[in-house]
Amino acid sequence: MSADREDIGDPYRRLSERGLQLPAAPSARGLYQPAVLDADRLVLGAHGPVALDGSGGFSHTGRVGWEIDLETAVEAARIVAVNMLATAHSALGDLRRVERVLEVTGYVNATREFMDHAVVVDGASRLLVDVFGRAGEHARTAVGVASLPFAVPVVISMTARVRLATFGLTGTS
């Protein structure tokens, strides 16, 4: 079976096995939609590391390589992935509708000397693969930037192919 058609199992169970549960989807912090569903594509705008405790604040702030070390930045990226999954759940109603994560783009707020941007974004990529199995494997871009909104260390966006909702239609008239 190809990776894009693999049975992803139960993403909620996989989250729970990792000691995680979905928080409420974070709200937009600007004039945009956190998620846009268009036919079989779900596009998630850039998410930051919103704290999983429901406070609405950020779990981490600072520049990687200065105020934030590599290990902490990887954890921040993992938290971003949990927030993206919460937004996907909110947009879709059920994470089991995700057929394949197609693309992830990560921006790391880092010093000029910092070179491990890909390692930071791996924190999110690893969780997506852990939750969706091979269907979570994706194309990816990871770049370093001089600053990010709210001084967060990482923001990440994602595109996924999803199963179309049937809205309970039976196919009969």
N, C-alpha and C. Protein backbone atom coordinates (compact mmCIF):
# COMPACT_ATOMS: atom_id res chain seq x y z
N MET A 1 0.85 -1.17 0.00
CA MET A 1 0.00 0.00 0.00
C MET A 1 0.90 1.24 0.00
N SER A 2 0.59 2.22 -0.81
CA SER A 2 1.43 3.41 -0.89
C SER A 2 1.25 4.27 0.36
N ALA A 3 2.26 5.10 0.63
CA ALA A 3 2.24 5.95 1.82
C ALA A 3 1.03 6.87 1.81
N ASP A 4 0.62 7.33 0.64
CA ASP A 4 -0.47 8.29 0.62
C ASP A 4 -1.84 7.63 0.80
N ARG A 5 -1.93 6.32 0.74
CA ARG A 5 -3.21 5.63 0.96
C ARG A 5 -3.15 4.73 2.19
N GLU A 6 -2.05 4.77 2.92
CA GLU A 6 -1.90 3.94 4.11
C GLU A 6 -3.01 4.25 5.11
N ASP A 7 -3.53 3.22 5.75
CA ASP A 7 -4.48 3.41 6.83
C ASP A 7 -3.73 4.09 7.97
N ILE A 8 -4.15 5.30 8.31
CA ILE A 8 -3.42 6.04 9.33
C ILE A 8 -3.80 5.61 10.74
N GLY A 9 -4.75 4.70 10.86
CA GLY A 9 -5.15 4.27 12.19
C GLY A 9 -5.89 5.40 12.90
N ASP A 10 -5.77 5.44 14.20
CA ASP A 10 -6.47 6.44 14.99
C ASP A 10 -5.48 7.48 15.49
N PRO A 11 -5.47 8.66 14.86
CA PRO A 11 -4.52 9.68 15.29
C PRO A 11 -4.74 10.14 16.73
N TYR A 12 -5.96 10.06 17.22
CA TYR A 12 -6.24 10.46 18.60
C TYR A 12 -5.59 9.47 19.58
N ARG A 13 -5.65 8.18 19.24
CA ARG A 13 -5.00 7.17 20.07
C ARG A 13 -3.49 7.38 20.05
N ARG A 14 -2.95 7.66 18.86
CA ARG A 14 -1.51 7.88 18.75
C ARG A 14 -1.05 9.10 19.55
N LEU A 15 -1.87 10.15 19.56
CA LEU A 15 -1.56 11.31 20.40
C LEU A 15 -1.58 10.93 21.88
N SER A 16 -2.63 10.21 22.27
CA SER A 16 -2.77 9.80 23.67
C SER A 16 -1.60 8.93 24.12
N GLU A 17 -1.15 8.03 23.24
CA GLU A 17 0.00 7.17 23.57
C GLU A 17 1.26 7.99 23.84
N ARG A 18 1.30 9.21 23.33
CA ARG A 18 2.45 10.10 23.53
C ARG A 18 2.20 11.11 24.65
N GLY A 19 1.13 10.86 25.41
CA GLY A 19 0.80 11.74 26.53
C GLY A 19 0.23 13.08 26.11
N LEU A 20 -0.33 13.14 24.90
CA LEU A 20 -0.85 14.41 24.37
C LEU A 20 -2.35 14.31 24.13
N GLN A 21 -3.03 15.43 24.32
CA GLN A 21 -4.40 15.56 23.87
C GLN A 21 -4.52 16.92 23.22
N LEU A 22 -5.46 17.02 22.32
CA LEU A 22 -5.59 18.26 21.56
C LEU A 22 -6.15 19.38 22.43
N PRO A 23 -5.51 20.53 22.40
CA PRO A 23 -6.09 21.70 23.06
C PRO A 23 -7.15 22.30 22.14
N ALA A 24 -7.79 23.36 22.59
CA ALA A 24 -8.66 24.12 21.69
C ALA A 24 -7.78 24.70 20.58
N ALA A 25 -8.33 24.80 19.40
CA ALA A 25 -7.56 25.36 18.28
C ALA A 25 -7.20 26.80 18.60
N PRO A 26 -5.94 27.18 18.37
CA PRO A 26 -5.56 28.57 18.63
C PRO A 26 -6.28 29.52 17.68
N SER A 27 -6.58 30.71 18.18
CA SER A 27 -7.25 31.70 17.35
C SER A 27 -6.22 32.46 16.52
N ALA A 28 -6.70 33.04 15.44
CA ALA A 28 -5.84 33.85 14.58
C ALA A 28 -5.38 35.09 15.35
N ARG A 29 -4.15 35.49 15.10
CA ARG A 29 -3.61 36.70 15.73
C ARG A 29 -3.33 37.73 14.64
N GLY A 30 -4.31 37.91 13.79
CA GLY A 30 -4.20 38.84 12.69
C GLY A 30 -5.41 38.66 11.78
N LEU A 31 -5.37 39.28 10.62
CA LEU A 31 -6.47 39.25 9.67
C LEU A 31 -6.26 38.12 8.67
N TYR A 32 -6.53 36.90 9.10
CA TYR A 32 -6.37 35.71 8.26
C TYR A 32 -7.17 34.57 8.88
N GLN A 33 -7.33 33.50 8.15
CA GLN A 33 -7.97 32.29 8.64
C GLN A 33 -6.88 31.29 9.02
N PRO A 34 -6.93 30.69 10.19
CA PRO A 34 -5.92 29.69 10.56
C PRO A 34 -5.96 28.45 9.66
N ALA A 35 -7.14 28.17 9.08
CA ALA A 35 -7.29 27.01 8.20
C ALA A 35 -8.23 27.36 7.07
N VAL A 36 -7.88 26.88 5.87
CA VAL A 36 -8.76 27.01 4.71
C VAL A 36 -8.91 25.62 4.11
N LEU A 37 -10.15 25.18 4.01
CA LEU A 37 -10.47 23.89 3.41
C LEU A 37 -11.03 24.15 2.03
N ASP A 38 -10.37 23.61 0.99
CA ASP A 38 -10.80 23.80 -0.39
C ASP A 38 -10.80 22.43 -1.05
N ALA A 39 -11.99 21.91 -1.25
CA ALA A 39 -12.16 20.56 -1.82
C ALA A 39 -11.39 19.56 -0.95
N ASP A 40 -10.37 18.91 -1.53
CA ASP A 40 -9.65 17.90 -0.75
C ASP A 40 -8.32 18.41 -0.19
N ARG A 41 -8.17 19.72 -0.08
CA ARG A 41 -6.94 20.31 0.46
C ARG A 41 -7.26 21.13 1.70
N LEU A 42 -6.49 20.88 2.75
CA LEU A 42 -6.55 21.68 3.96
C LEU A 42 -5.23 22.42 4.07
N VAL A 43 -5.31 23.74 4.06
CA VAL A 43 -4.12 24.58 4.18
C VAL A 43 -4.17 25.24 5.55
N LEU A 44 -3.14 25.01 6.34
CA LEU A 44 -3.04 25.64 7.65
C LEU A 44 -2.02 26.77 7.56
N GLY A 45 -2.45 27.96 7.95
CA GLY A 45 -1.53 29.09 8.00
C GLY A 45 -0.50 28.88 9.08
N ALA A 46 0.48 29.76 9.12
CA ALA A 46 1.57 29.62 10.09
C ALA A 46 1.04 29.61 11.51
N HIS A 47 1.49 28.63 12.27
CA HIS A 47 1.15 28.48 13.69
C HIS A 47 2.43 28.67 14.50
N GLY A 48 2.27 29.28 15.66
CA GLY A 48 3.37 29.40 16.60
C GLY A 48 3.16 28.46 17.77
N PRO A 49 4.09 28.46 18.71
CA PRO A 49 3.99 27.55 19.86
C PRO A 49 3.06 28.10 20.95
N VAL A 50 1.75 28.03 20.71
CA VAL A 50 0.77 28.46 21.71
C VAL A 50 0.78 27.40 22.82
N ALA A 51 0.86 27.87 24.05
CA ALA A 51 0.94 26.96 25.21
C ALA A 51 -0.24 25.99 25.21
N LEU A 52 0.03 24.75 25.56
CA LEU A 52 -1.00 23.71 25.54
C LEU A 52 -1.88 23.74 26.79
N ASP A 53 -1.61 24.65 27.72
CA ASP A 53 -2.36 24.73 28.98
C ASP A 53 -3.64 25.54 28.86
N GLY A 54 -3.95 26.05 27.67
CA GLY A 54 -5.18 26.81 27.47
C GLY A 54 -5.09 28.28 27.85
N SER A 55 -3.92 28.73 28.25
CA SER A 55 -3.76 30.13 28.67
C SER A 55 -3.82 31.11 27.50
N GLY A 56 -3.54 30.62 26.29
CA GLY A 56 -3.54 31.48 25.11
C GLY A 56 -2.21 32.15 24.86
N GLY A 57 -1.29 32.08 25.82
CA GLY A 57 0.04 32.64 25.63
C GLY A 57 0.94 31.68 24.88
N PHE A 58 2.15 32.12 24.63
CA PHE A 58 3.11 31.26 23.94
C PHE A 58 3.93 30.46 24.94
N SER A 59 4.21 29.22 24.59
CA SER A 59 5.02 28.36 25.46
C SER A 59 6.48 28.79 25.45
N HIS A 60 6.94 29.35 24.34
CA HIS A 60 8.33 29.75 24.19
C HIS A 60 8.41 31.06 23.41
N THR A 61 9.34 31.90 23.80
CA THR A 61 9.69 33.08 23.02
C THR A 61 11.20 33.22 23.03
N GLY A 62 11.72 33.89 22.03
CA GLY A 62 13.15 34.12 21.97
C GLY A 62 13.78 33.62 20.69
N ARG A 63 14.99 34.02 20.48
CA ARG A 63 15.74 33.66 19.29
C ARG A 63 16.58 32.41 19.56
N VAL A 64 16.49 31.45 18.63
CA VAL A 64 17.25 30.21 18.76
C VAL A 64 18.74 30.53 18.55
N GLY A 65 19.54 30.00 19.43
CA GLY A 65 20.97 30.28 19.38
C GLY A 65 21.36 31.43 20.29
N TRP A 66 20.36 32.07 20.89
CA TRP A 66 20.62 33.17 21.82
C TRP A 66 19.87 32.91 23.12
N GLU A 67 18.54 33.17 23.14
CA GLU A 67 17.76 32.90 24.36
C GLU A 67 17.26 31.46 24.43
N ILE A 68 17.19 30.81 23.30
CA ILE A 68 16.61 29.46 23.20
C ILE A 68 17.68 28.51 22.67
N ASP A 69 17.83 27.35 23.34
CA ASP A 69 18.79 26.36 22.83
C ASP A 69 18.09 25.40 21.86
N LEU A 70 18.86 24.57 21.20
CA LEU A 70 18.33 23.67 20.18
C LEU A 70 17.25 22.75 20.73
N GLU A 71 17.49 22.12 21.85
CA GLU A 71 16.52 21.18 22.43
C GLU A 71 15.19 21.87 22.74
N THR A 72 15.24 23.07 23.26
CA THR A 72 14.03 23.82 23.57
C THR A 72 13.30 24.22 22.29
N ALA A 73 14.05 24.58 21.26
CA ALA A 73 13.44 24.94 19.98
C ALA A 73 12.73 23.75 19.34
N VAL A 74 13.33 22.56 19.45
CA VAL A 74 12.70 21.34 18.92
C VAL A 74 11.38 21.09 19.65
N GLU A 75 11.37 21.28 20.97
CA GLU A 75 10.14 21.11 21.75
C GLU A 75 9.10 22.15 21.33
N ALA A 76 9.53 23.39 21.07
CA ALA A 76 8.60 24.43 20.61
C ALA A 76 7.96 24.01 19.28
N ALA A 77 8.75 23.44 18.38
CA ALA A 77 8.22 22.98 17.09
C ALA A 77 7.22 21.84 17.28
N ARG A 78 7.48 20.98 18.24
CA ARG A 78 6.55 19.89 18.56
C ARG A 78 5.22 20.47 19.05
N ILE A 79 5.29 21.49 19.88
CA ILE A 79 4.07 22.15 20.37
C ILE A 79 3.33 22.81 19.21
N VAL A 80 4.06 23.39 18.27
CA VAL A 80 3.43 23.96 17.07
C VAL A 80 2.64 22.86 16.35
N ALA A 81 3.23 21.67 16.20
CA ALA A 81 2.53 20.58 15.52
C ALA A 81 1.25 20.20 16.24
N VAL A 82 1.27 20.16 17.57
CA VAL A 82 0.05 19.86 18.33
C VAL A 82 -1.01 20.92 18.04
N ASN A 83 -0.60 22.19 17.99
CA ASN A 83 -1.54 23.26 17.68
C ASN A 83 -2.08 23.13 16.26
N MET A 84 -1.24 22.75 15.30
CA MET A 84 -1.73 22.55 13.93
C MET A 84 -2.74 21.42 13.89
N LEU A 85 -2.49 20.35 14.64
CA LEU A 85 -3.45 19.24 14.69
C LEU A 85 -4.77 19.69 15.31
N ALA A 86 -4.71 20.55 16.32
CA ALA A 86 -5.94 21.08 16.92
C ALA A 86 -6.72 21.90 15.90
N THR A 87 -6.02 22.71 15.10
CA THR A 87 -6.68 23.49 14.06
C THR A 87 -7.26 22.58 12.99
N ALA A 88 -6.52 21.55 12.59
CA ALA A 88 -7.02 20.60 11.60
C ALA A 88 -8.28 19.90 12.12
N HIS A 89 -8.25 19.49 13.38
CA HIS A 89 -9.42 18.86 13.98
C HIS A 89 -10.62 19.81 13.95
N SER A 90 -10.38 21.07 14.31
CA SER A 90 -11.45 22.06 14.31
C SER A 90 -12.03 22.27 12.90
N ALA A 91 -11.16 22.30 11.90
CA ALA A 91 -11.60 22.53 10.52
C ALA A 91 -12.30 21.32 9.91
N LEU A 92 -11.84 20.13 10.28
CA LEU A 92 -12.33 18.91 9.64
C LEU A 92 -13.38 18.17 10.46
N GLY A 93 -13.36 18.37 11.77
CA GLY A 93 -14.25 17.61 12.64
C GLY A 93 -13.67 16.28 13.06
N ASP A 94 -12.68 15.78 12.34
CA ASP A 94 -12.10 14.48 12.64
C ASP A 94 -10.75 14.36 11.93
N LEU A 95 -9.69 14.14 12.70
CA LEU A 95 -8.35 14.00 12.10
C LEU A 95 -8.24 12.76 11.22
N ARG A 96 -9.16 11.81 11.36
CA ARG A 96 -9.10 10.62 10.51
C ARG A 96 -9.43 10.95 9.06
N ARG A 97 -9.88 12.17 8.79
CA ARG A 97 -10.11 12.60 7.41
C ARG A 97 -8.80 12.96 6.70
N VAL A 98 -7.72 13.14 7.45
CA VAL A 98 -6.43 13.45 6.82
C VAL A 98 -5.93 12.20 6.11
N GLU A 99 -5.75 12.30 4.80
CA GLU A 99 -5.23 11.18 4.02
C GLU A 99 -3.72 11.24 3.90
N ARG A 100 -3.18 12.46 3.81
CA ARG A 100 -1.74 12.61 3.62
C ARG A 100 -1.32 14.03 3.96
N VAL A 101 -0.28 14.15 4.76
CA VAL A 101 0.35 15.46 4.95
C VAL A 101 1.24 15.66 3.74
N LEU A 102 1.02 16.74 3.00
CA LEU A 102 1.74 16.97 1.76
C LEU A 102 2.98 17.83 1.95
N GLU A 103 2.83 18.94 2.67
CA GLU A 103 3.94 19.89 2.77
C GLU A 103 3.92 20.58 4.13
N VAL A 104 5.11 20.80 4.66
CA VAL A 104 5.32 21.55 5.89
C VAL A 104 6.38 22.60 5.59
N THR A 105 6.13 23.83 6.04
CA THR A 105 7.10 24.91 5.89
C THR A 105 7.35 25.52 7.26
N GLY A 106 8.63 25.53 7.67
CA GLY A 106 8.97 26.06 8.98
C GLY A 106 9.94 27.22 8.89
N TYR A 107 9.70 28.23 9.71
CA TYR A 107 10.57 29.39 9.82
C TYR A 107 11.11 29.44 11.25
N VAL A 108 12.41 29.52 11.37
CA VAL A 108 13.06 29.50 12.68
C VAL A 108 13.68 30.87 12.94
N ASN A 109 13.30 31.49 14.02
CA ASN A 109 13.83 32.77 14.47
C ASN A 109 15.19 32.47 15.12
N ALA A 110 16.26 32.75 14.40
CA ALA A 110 17.58 32.29 14.85
C ALA A 110 18.65 33.35 14.64
N THR A 111 19.73 33.17 15.37
CA THR A 111 20.90 34.02 15.17
C THR A 111 21.55 33.70 13.83
N ARG A 112 22.37 34.59 13.39
CA ARG A 112 23.08 34.41 12.12
C ARG A 112 23.95 33.15 12.14
N GLU A 113 24.49 32.82 13.28
CA GLU A 113 25.41 31.68 13.40
C GLU A 113 24.69 30.33 13.48
N PHE A 114 23.41 30.33 13.83
CA PHE A 114 22.66 29.09 14.00
C PHE A 114 22.43 28.42 12.65
N MET A 115 22.70 27.12 12.55
CA MET A 115 22.59 26.43 11.27
C MET A 115 21.68 25.20 11.29
N ASP A 116 21.07 24.88 12.43
CA ASP A 116 20.28 23.65 12.55
C ASP A 116 18.78 23.88 12.41
N HIS A 117 18.39 24.72 11.47
CA HIS A 117 16.97 25.02 11.26
C HIS A 117 16.16 23.75 10.99
N ALA A 118 16.72 22.87 10.17
CA ALA A 118 16.02 21.63 9.84
C ALA A 118 15.81 20.76 11.07
N VAL A 119 16.77 20.75 11.98
CA VAL A 119 16.64 19.96 13.21
C VAL A 119 15.49 20.50 14.05
N VAL A 120 15.34 21.82 14.12
CA VAL A 120 14.24 22.42 14.87
C VAL A 120 12.91 21.97 14.28
N VAL A 121 12.73 22.11 12.98
CA VAL A 121 11.46 21.76 12.35
C VAL A 121 11.20 20.26 12.40
N ASP A 122 12.25 19.47 12.57
CA ASP A 122 12.07 18.02 12.78
C ASP A 122 11.16 17.74 13.98
N GLY A 123 11.15 18.65 14.97
CA GLY A 123 10.26 18.45 16.12
C GLY A 123 8.81 18.32 15.70
N ALA A 124 8.40 19.13 14.74
CA ALA A 124 7.03 19.04 14.21
C ALA A 124 6.88 17.85 13.27
N SER A 125 7.84 17.68 12.38
CA SER A 125 7.76 16.59 11.41
C SER A 125 7.67 15.23 12.10
N ARG A 126 8.44 15.04 13.15
CA ARG A 126 8.43 13.76 13.87
C ARG A 126 7.05 13.50 14.44
N LEU A 127 6.42 14.51 15.04
CA LEU A 127 5.10 14.30 15.62
C LEU A 127 4.07 13.97 14.54
N LEU A 128 4.14 14.63 13.39
CA LEU A 128 3.19 14.33 12.31
C LEU A 128 3.33 12.89 11.83
N VAL A 129 4.57 12.40 11.73
CA VAL A 129 4.78 11.01 11.34
C VAL A 129 4.31 10.06 12.45
N ASP A 130 4.58 10.43 13.69
CA ASP A 130 4.12 9.60 14.82
C ASP A 130 2.60 9.48 14.84
N VAL A 131 1.91 10.56 14.50
CA VAL A 131 0.44 10.58 14.57
C VAL A 131 -0.20 9.94 13.35
N PHE A 132 0.35 10.20 12.16
CA PHE A 132 -0.28 9.72 10.92
C PHE A 132 0.47 8.56 10.26
N GLY A 133 1.55 8.09 10.82
CA GLY A 133 2.32 7.02 10.19
C GLY A 133 2.93 7.51 8.89
N ARG A 134 3.06 6.62 7.93
CA ARG A 134 3.68 7.00 6.64
C ARG A 134 2.90 8.11 5.94
N ALA A 135 1.60 8.21 6.21
CA ALA A 135 0.80 9.29 5.62
C ALA A 135 1.21 10.66 6.18
N GLY A 136 1.98 10.68 7.24
CA GLY A 136 2.47 11.93 7.80
C GLY A 136 3.79 12.38 7.20
N GLU A 137 4.42 11.52 6.38
CA GLU A 137 5.67 11.90 5.72
C GLU A 137 5.36 12.95 4.67
N HIS A 138 6.19 13.99 4.59
CA HIS A 138 5.83 15.14 3.78
C HIS A 138 7.06 15.79 3.15
N ALA A 139 6.82 16.61 2.14
CA ALA A 139 7.85 17.50 1.61
C ALA A 139 7.99 18.64 2.62
N ARG A 140 9.19 19.24 2.69
CA ARG A 140 9.37 20.25 3.73
C ARG A 140 10.41 21.29 3.36
N THR A 141 10.17 22.49 3.88
CA THR A 141 11.13 23.58 3.81
C THR A 141 11.37 24.06 5.24
N ALA A 142 12.62 24.29 5.59
CA ALA A 142 12.97 24.85 6.90
C ALA A 142 14.01 25.94 6.66
N VAL A 143 13.68 27.16 7.07
CA VAL A 143 14.58 28.29 6.86
C VAL A 143 14.73 29.09 8.14
N GLY A 144 15.84 29.80 8.22
CA GLY A 144 16.08 30.69 9.34
C GLY A 144 15.73 32.12 8.96
N VAL A 145 15.19 32.86 9.92
CA VAL A 145 14.82 34.25 9.70
C VAL A 145 15.33 35.10 10.87
N ALA A 146 15.40 36.40 10.64
CA ALA A 146 15.94 37.33 11.65
C ALA A 146 14.95 37.62 12.77
N SER A 147 13.65 37.48 12.51
CA SER A 147 12.65 37.69 13.55
C SER A 147 11.34 37.05 13.12
N LEU A 148 10.46 36.84 14.11
CA LEU A 148 9.12 36.31 13.85
C LEU A 148 8.14 37.08 14.73
N PRO A 149 6.86 37.10 14.35
CA PRO A 149 5.86 37.80 15.16
C PRO A 149 5.86 37.29 16.61
N PHE A 150 5.65 38.21 17.53
CA PHE A 150 5.56 37.90 18.96
C PHE A 150 6.85 37.29 19.52
N ALA A 151 7.95 37.39 18.77
CA ALA A 151 9.26 36.88 19.19
C ALA A 151 9.27 35.37 19.43
N VAL A 152 8.36 34.64 18.77
CA VAL A 152 8.37 33.18 18.93
C VAL A 152 9.57 32.59 18.21
N PRO A 153 10.05 31.44 18.65
CA PRO A 153 11.23 30.84 18.02
C PRO A 153 10.96 30.12 16.70
N VAL A 154 9.70 29.73 16.47
CA VAL A 154 9.40 28.96 15.26
C VAL A 154 7.92 29.13 14.90
N VAL A 155 7.65 29.25 13.61
CA VAL A 155 6.29 29.15 13.08
C VAL A 155 6.30 28.16 11.93
N ILE A 156 5.19 27.44 11.81
CA ILE A 156 5.12 26.35 10.82
C ILE A 156 3.75 26.37 10.17
N SER A 157 3.71 26.13 8.85
CA SER A 157 2.46 25.96 8.13
C SER A 157 2.42 24.57 7.51
N MET A 158 1.24 24.14 7.09
CA MET A 158 1.09 22.77 6.61
C MET A 158 -0.03 22.69 5.58
N THR A 159 0.13 21.81 4.61
CA THR A 159 -0.92 21.48 3.65
C THR A 159 -1.14 19.97 3.69
N ALA A 160 -2.40 19.56 3.71
CA ALA A 160 -2.73 18.13 3.74
C ALA A 160 -3.84 17.84 2.73
N ARG A 161 -3.83 16.62 2.22
CA ARG A 161 -4.95 16.12 1.42
C ARG A 161 -5.91 15.43 2.38
N VAL A 162 -7.20 15.72 2.23
CA VAL A 162 -8.19 15.17 3.15
C VAL A 162 -9.31 14.48 2.39
N ARG A 163 -9.96 13.57 3.08
CA ARG A 163 -11.15 12.92 2.55
C ARG A 163 -12.30 13.92 2.56
N LEU A 164 -13.04 13.97 1.49
CA LEU A 164 -14.19 14.87 1.41
C LEU A 164 -15.25 14.41 2.40
N ALA A 165 -15.92 15.36 3.03
CA ALA A 165 -16.99 15.03 3.98
C ALA A 165 -18.21 14.59 3.20
N THR A 166 -18.91 13.61 3.73
CA THR A 166 -20.10 13.11 3.04
C THR A 166 -21.38 13.66 3.65
N PHE A 167 -21.31 14.25 4.83
CA PHE A 167 -22.47 14.84 5.51
C PHE A 167 -23.63 13.86 5.64
N GLY A 168 -23.30 12.57 5.80
CA GLY A 168 -24.33 11.58 6.06
C GLY A 168 -25.17 11.21 4.85
N LEU A 169 -24.76 11.59 3.65
CA LEU A 169 -25.52 11.24 2.46
C LEU A 169 -25.44 9.74 2.21
N THR A 170 -26.54 9.15 1.86
CA THR A 170 -26.56 7.72 1.64
C THR A 170 -26.50 7.35 0.17
N GLY A 171 -26.68 8.32 -0.70
CA GLY A 171 -26.67 8.02 -2.14
C GLY A 171 -28.03 7.62 -2.67
N THR A 172 -29.04 7.63 -1.81
CA THR A 172 -30.39 7.31 -2.28
C THR A 172 -31.27 8.55 -2.23
N SER A 173 -32.35 8.56 -3.02
CA SER A 173 -33.25 9.72 -3.00
C SER A 173 -34.51 9.41 -2.24
